[in-house]
């Protein structure tokens, strides 16, 4: 079973800077690159972040149903959920329960707003595999983006605490579903937090582990993100896993095996999004 997460970069229209480069960063163009990536990997369940309604529509036009070069029929359906929807293969899975939660702007006890333009949220789905009856919970989430470091350009006080608060809410929901359905859960998405962050320390404290650390097979060691924005894009250095912002976490003791932990980081994807798709091959 392949699970994937990808921050798509929510930007629907082209601009003058990209046009001067002879390029187009609109959703119409970049959605084709996203579809190319998703069809190349063919995830069973795909958690996305920074998704617009236009991007959803364009992507579903191509992912709704298609055939692989080998003749296999593939079809997807969408669990809508603000900026954090989930796509799943409905030829292989049935959704038992789904839901969406918008993180509150306020963090109890701290001043400030920690949800810009209603983009920080989680969407969840409990999926049953049609051929085996095995179940899996997937939570797609996007956490607060500003830095807790006063030396950074995007500093905002209490930002680290905001991410801790938001991931704790997502974990609380995932654990409720684990208790209800007695199956493993994966929380996936753009945490906007590196490995040694307060957010990831909270993940460990609450009894969850990055799938990277549980993987027994091929494992990507890059950071998984690069510069791609309204000002243009560049490939940049691959960086190191320590600085990764996208994560896939699983509760300790879950009955799952992580067989690979990979990213699609081909050069052609550099102009599609600032986050490379991250995916794991698991066995329940």
Protein backbone atom coordinates (compact mmCIF):
# COMPACT_ATOMS: atom_id res chain seq x y z
CA UNK A 1 0.00 0.00 0.00
CA UNK A 2 1.44 3.36 -1.02
CA UNK A 3 0.64 6.48 1.00
CA UNK A 4 1.74 9.89 -0.29
CA UNK A 5 1.72 13.45 0.97
CA UNK A 6 2.35 16.61 -1.08
CA UNK A 7 2.04 20.34 -0.49
CA UNK A 8 0.87 21.53 -3.92
CA UNK A 9 1.62 25.29 -3.56
CA UNK A 10 -1.73 27.10 -3.64
CA UNK A 11 -1.29 29.59 -6.48
CA UNK A 12 -3.90 29.61 -9.23
CA UNK A 13 -2.75 32.29 -11.69
CA UNK A 14 0.36 33.11 -13.67
CA UNK A 15 2.28 36.33 -12.96
CA UNK A 16 4.61 38.72 -14.78
CA UNK A 17 7.82 37.32 -13.30
CA UNK A 18 7.10 33.79 -14.49
CA UNK A 19 5.85 35.10 -17.83
CA UNK A 20 9.16 36.92 -18.35
CA UNK A 21 10.88 33.57 -17.88
CA UNK A 22 8.65 32.18 -20.61
CA UNK A 23 6.89 30.02 -18.04
CA UNK A 24 3.49 29.68 -16.43
CA UNK A 25 2.89 28.98 -12.73
CA UNK A 26 -0.91 28.90 -12.96
CA UNK A 27 -2.91 26.00 -11.63
CA UNK A 28 -3.86 25.03 -15.19
CA UNK A 29 -0.20 24.32 -15.99
CA UNK A 30 1.09 23.07 -12.66
CA UNK A 31 -1.83 20.70 -12.14
CA UNK A 32 -0.59 18.75 -15.15
CA UNK A 33 2.75 18.31 -13.38
CA UNK A 34 1.04 17.21 -10.19
CA UNK A 35 -1.02 14.65 -12.11
CA UNK A 36 2.13 13.41 -13.85
CA UNK A 37 3.77 12.84 -10.47
CA UNK A 38 0.74 11.12 -8.98
CA UNK A 39 0.25 8.85 -11.96
CA UNK A 40 3.94 7.98 -11.94
CA UNK A 41 3.82 6.79 -8.31
CA UNK A 42 0.13 5.80 -8.25
CA UNK A 43 -0.47 6.22 -4.51
CA UNK A 44 -3.34 4.33 -2.95
CA UNK A 45 -4.11 7.28 -0.68
CA UNK A 46 -2.83 10.81 -1.27
CA UNK A 47 -2.88 13.55 1.36
CA UNK A 48 -2.39 17.06 -0.02
CA UNK A 49 -1.94 20.53 1.41
CA UNK A 50 -2.38 24.02 -0.10
CA UNK A 51 -5.06 22.78 -2.49
CA UNK A 52 -7.43 25.24 -4.15
CA UNK A 53 -10.87 24.36 -5.49
CA UNK A 54 -9.56 25.00 -9.00
CA UNK A 55 -6.63 22.63 -8.50
CA UNK A 56 -8.96 19.96 -7.14
CA UNK A 57 -11.17 20.22 -10.20
CA UNK A 58 -8.27 20.16 -12.67
CA UNK A 59 -6.58 17.22 -10.96
CA UNK A 60 -9.76 15.16 -10.72
CA UNK A 61 -10.40 15.62 -14.44
CA UNK A 62 -7.29 13.52 -15.06
CA UNK A 63 -7.21 11.27 -11.99
CA UNK A 64 -10.93 10.45 -12.03
CA UNK A 65 -10.25 7.40 -14.18
CA UNK A 66 -7.36 6.39 -16.37
CA UNK A 67 -5.45 3.30 -17.48
CA UNK A 68 -1.78 2.56 -16.88
CA UNK A 69 0.50 1.51 -19.78
CA UNK A 70 -0.01 -2.04 -18.48
CA UNK A 71 -3.77 -1.69 -18.90
CA UNK A 72 -4.67 -1.46 -15.21
CA UNK A 73 -7.73 0.66 -14.50
CA UNK A 74 -7.09 3.36 -11.90
CA UNK A 75 -9.71 5.70 -10.46
CA UNK A 76 -9.70 8.21 -7.63
CA UNK A 77 -12.24 9.99 -5.51
CA UNK A 78 -11.82 13.04 -3.32
CA UNK A 79 -12.44 13.63 0.37
CA UNK A 80 -12.93 17.39 0.39
CA UNK A 81 -11.46 19.33 3.26
CA UNK A 82 -10.42 22.94 2.79
CA UNK A 83 -6.74 23.16 1.88
CA UNK A 84 -5.98 19.62 3.12
CA UNK A 85 -8.11 17.16 1.09
CA UNK A 86 -7.42 13.46 0.54
CA UNK A 87 -7.54 11.53 -2.74
CA UNK A 88 -8.02 7.77 -2.59
CA UNK A 89 -8.25 4.95 -5.11
CA UNK A 90 -11.90 3.98 -5.09
CA UNK A 91 -11.12 0.92 -7.19
CA UNK A 92 -9.24 -0.40 -4.12
CA UNK A 93 -10.68 1.34 -1.04
CA UNK A 94 -13.98 2.26 0.56
CA UNK A 95 -14.21 5.24 2.95
CA UNK A 96 -15.87 4.28 6.23
CA UNK A 97 -15.67 7.69 7.91
CA UNK A 98 -14.27 11.05 6.86
CA UNK A 99 -14.07 14.52 8.37
CA UNK A 100 -12.47 17.94 8.33
CA UNK A 101 -11.29 20.27 11.09
CA UNK A 102 -10.10 23.86 10.75
CA UNK A 103 -7.51 24.70 13.40
CA UNK A 104 -8.61 27.66 15.55
CA UNK A 105 -6.81 30.94 14.95
CA UNK A 106 -6.06 31.31 18.65
CA UNK A 107 -3.79 29.19 20.81
CA UNK A 108 -5.06 29.12 24.41
CA UNK A 109 -2.96 31.37 26.63
CA UNK A 110 -0.99 33.06 23.83
CA UNK A 111 -1.52 36.24 21.84
CA UNK A 112 -1.66 36.16 18.06
CA UNK A 113 -3.44 34.59 15.10
CA UNK A 114 -2.08 31.25 13.93
CA UNK A 115 -4.19 30.36 10.92
CA UNK A 116 -3.62 32.48 7.82
CA UNK A 117 -6.53 32.57 5.35
CA UNK A 118 -8.08 29.43 6.88
CA UNK A 119 -5.31 27.26 5.41
CA UNK A 120 -4.25 25.30 8.50
CA UNK A 121 -6.41 22.28 9.11
CA UNK A 122 -6.64 18.53 9.03
CA UNK A 123 -8.79 16.15 7.01
CA UNK A 124 -9.14 12.49 7.94
CA UNK A 125 -10.38 9.32 6.33
CA UNK A 126 -10.83 5.75 7.55
CA UNK A 127 -10.37 3.51 4.53
CA UNK A 128 -11.10 -0.20 4.08
CA UNK A 129 -9.24 -2.17 1.44
CA UNK A 130 -11.84 -3.94 -0.69
CA UNK A 131 -9.74 -7.05 -1.38
CA UNK A 132 -8.61 -7.75 2.20
CA UNK A 133 -10.86 -5.84 4.58
CA UNK A 134 -7.80 -4.24 6.17
CA UNK A 135 -8.35 -0.72 7.43
CA UNK A 136 -6.09 2.31 7.66
CA UNK A 137 -6.59 5.85 8.97
CA UNK A 138 -5.00 8.73 7.08
CA UNK A 139 -4.89 12.30 8.35
CA UNK A 140 -3.74 15.10 6.04
CA UNK A 141 -2.58 18.21 7.87
CA UNK A 142 -0.91 21.58 7.35
CA UNK A 143 0.51 23.31 10.43
CA UNK A 144 1.25 26.99 11.13
CA UNK A 145 4.04 28.32 8.92
CA UNK A 146 5.83 31.21 10.62
CA UNK A 147 9.16 30.86 12.42
CA UNK A 148 9.73 30.86 16.15
CA UNK A 149 13.26 32.17 15.61
CA UNK A 150 13.50 35.98 16.16
CA UNK A 151 16.31 36.14 13.59
CA UNK A 152 14.14 34.86 10.75
CA UNK A 153 12.29 37.15 8.33
CA UNK A 154 8.99 35.38 9.03
CA UNK A 155 9.24 35.41 12.82
CA UNK A 156 6.09 35.50 14.91
CA UNK A 157 6.12 34.97 18.67
CA UNK A 158 4.67 31.66 19.92
CA UNK A 159 4.80 30.05 16.46
CA UNK A 160 6.54 26.93 17.81
CA UNK A 161 3.86 26.60 20.47
CA UNK A 162 1.15 26.96 17.81
CA UNK A 163 2.54 23.98 15.88
CA UNK A 164 2.73 21.94 19.08
CA UNK A 165 -0.89 22.78 19.81
CA UNK A 166 -2.10 21.96 16.30
CA UNK A 167 -0.28 18.63 15.98
CA UNK A 168 -1.61 17.62 19.40
CA UNK A 169 -5.16 18.20 18.11
CA UNK A 170 -4.49 16.05 15.03
CA UNK A 171 -2.97 13.29 17.15
CA UNK A 172 -5.90 13.42 19.56
CA UNK A 173 -8.32 12.86 16.66
CA UNK A 174 -6.19 10.07 15.17
CA UNK A 175 -6.07 8.26 18.51
CA UNK A 176 -9.85 8.52 18.86
CA UNK A 177 -10.16 6.83 15.46
CA UNK A 178 -7.58 4.18 16.35
CA UNK A 179 -9.63 3.28 19.42
CA UNK A 180 -12.87 3.24 17.43
CA UNK A 181 -11.65 1.18 14.45
CA UNK A 182 -8.71 -0.80 15.87
CA UNK A 183 -6.43 -0.08 12.93
CA UNK A 184 -3.20 1.86 12.30
CA UNK A 185 -3.16 5.58 11.56
CA UNK A 186 -0.81 7.83 9.61
CA UNK A 187 -0.68 11.61 10.03
CA UNK A 188 0.90 13.14 6.94
CA UNK A 189 1.58 16.60 5.66
CA UNK A 190 3.49 19.85 5.87
CA UNK A 191 4.34 20.33 9.54
CA UNK A 192 6.54 23.38 8.83
CA UNK A 193 8.89 21.91 11.44
CA UNK A 194 12.29 20.24 11.25
CA UNK A 195 13.32 17.09 13.05
CA UNK A 196 14.66 18.80 16.21
CA UNK A 197 11.70 21.17 16.50
CA UNK A 198 9.31 21.56 19.41
CA UNK A 199 6.61 20.12 17.16
CA UNK A 200 8.48 16.89 16.43
CA UNK A 201 9.52 16.63 20.07
CA UNK A 202 5.82 16.75 20.94
CA UNK A 203 5.17 14.01 18.38
CA UNK A 204 7.68 11.78 20.15
CA UNK A 205 6.36 12.74 23.59
CA UNK A 206 2.84 11.68 22.57
CA UNK A 207 4.10 8.28 21.42
CA UNK A 208 4.38 8.73 17.66
CA UNK A 209 7.37 8.20 15.35
CA UNK A 210 8.41 9.46 11.91
CA UNK A 211 8.01 6.69 9.33
CA UNK A 212 11.55 7.54 8.17
CA UNK A 213 12.92 6.07 11.40
CA UNK A 214 10.86 2.89 11.08
CA UNK A 215 11.71 2.22 7.44
CA UNK A 216 13.57 -1.03 6.76
CA UNK A 217 14.16 -0.49 3.04
CA UNK A 218 15.12 2.35 0.72
CA UNK A 219 15.04 5.68 2.54
CA UNK A 220 15.32 9.22 1.20
CA UNK A 221 17.69 11.46 3.20
CA UNK A 222 17.02 14.85 1.57
CA UNK A 223 15.02 17.77 2.99
CA UNK A 224 12.33 17.53 0.31
CA UNK A 225 11.68 21.21 -0.36
CA UNK A 226 13.19 23.97 -2.49
CA UNK A 227 12.50 27.50 -3.75
CA UNK A 228 9.39 27.71 -5.93
CA UNK A 229 7.30 30.84 -5.45
CA UNK A 230 5.77 33.83 -7.27
CA UNK A 231 9.31 35.17 -7.79
CA UNK A 232 10.42 32.06 -9.70
CA UNK A 233 12.04 28.75 -8.85
CA UNK A 234 15.38 27.01 -8.57
CA UNK A 235 16.45 23.47 -7.85
CA UNK A 236 18.90 24.29 -5.07
CA UNK A 237 20.78 21.81 -2.93
CA UNK A 238 18.99 18.61 -1.89
CA UNK A 239 19.73 19.32 1.76
CA UNK A 240 19.47 16.79 4.56
CA UNK A 241 16.58 14.96 6.20
CA UNK A 242 17.18 16.84 9.47
CA UNK A 243 15.67 19.93 7.79
CA UNK A 244 12.63 18.19 6.28
CA UNK A 245 9.28 19.94 6.77
CA UNK A 246 6.99 17.23 5.37
CA UNK A 247 6.41 14.27 7.64
CA UNK A 248 4.58 10.97 7.91
CA UNK A 249 4.11 9.85 11.50
CA UNK A 250 2.69 6.64 12.94
CA UNK A 251 1.75 5.67 16.49
CA UNK A 252 4.31 3.55 18.30
CA UNK A 253 3.45 -0.13 18.36
CA UNK A 254 1.22 -0.02 15.28
CA UNK A 255 0.94 -3.25 13.31
CA UNK A 256 2.57 -1.86 10.18
CA UNK A 257 5.84 -2.32 8.32
CA UNK A 258 7.41 0.65 6.51
CA UNK A 259 9.13 -0.89 3.51
CA UNK A 260 10.34 2.30 1.79
CA UNK A 261 10.41 6.06 2.37
CA UNK A 262 10.90 8.03 -0.85
CA UNK A 263 10.46 11.40 -2.55
CA UNK A 264 9.74 12.23 -6.16
CA UNK A 265 12.38 14.93 -6.63
CA UNK A 266 13.02 14.83 -10.39
CA UNK A 267 14.18 18.11 -11.93
CA UNK A 268 11.00 18.46 -14.03
CA UNK A 269 9.01 18.84 -10.78
CA UNK A 270 11.01 21.89 -9.63
CA UNK A 271 8.55 24.33 -11.23
CA UNK A 272 5.45 22.48 -10.00
CA UNK A 273 5.65 23.00 -6.24
CA UNK A 274 8.17 23.94 -3.56
CA UNK A 275 7.55 20.57 -1.86
CA UNK A 276 8.49 17.28 -3.48
CA UNK A 277 5.93 14.46 -3.02
CA UNK A 278 6.84 12.17 -0.11
CA UNK A 279 5.58 8.60 -0.13
CA UNK A 280 5.90 5.36 1.79
CA UNK A 281 5.23 1.76 0.89
CA UNK A 282 3.63 0.06 3.89
CA UNK A 283 2.26 -3.31 4.84
CA UNK A 284 -0.47 -3.69 7.44
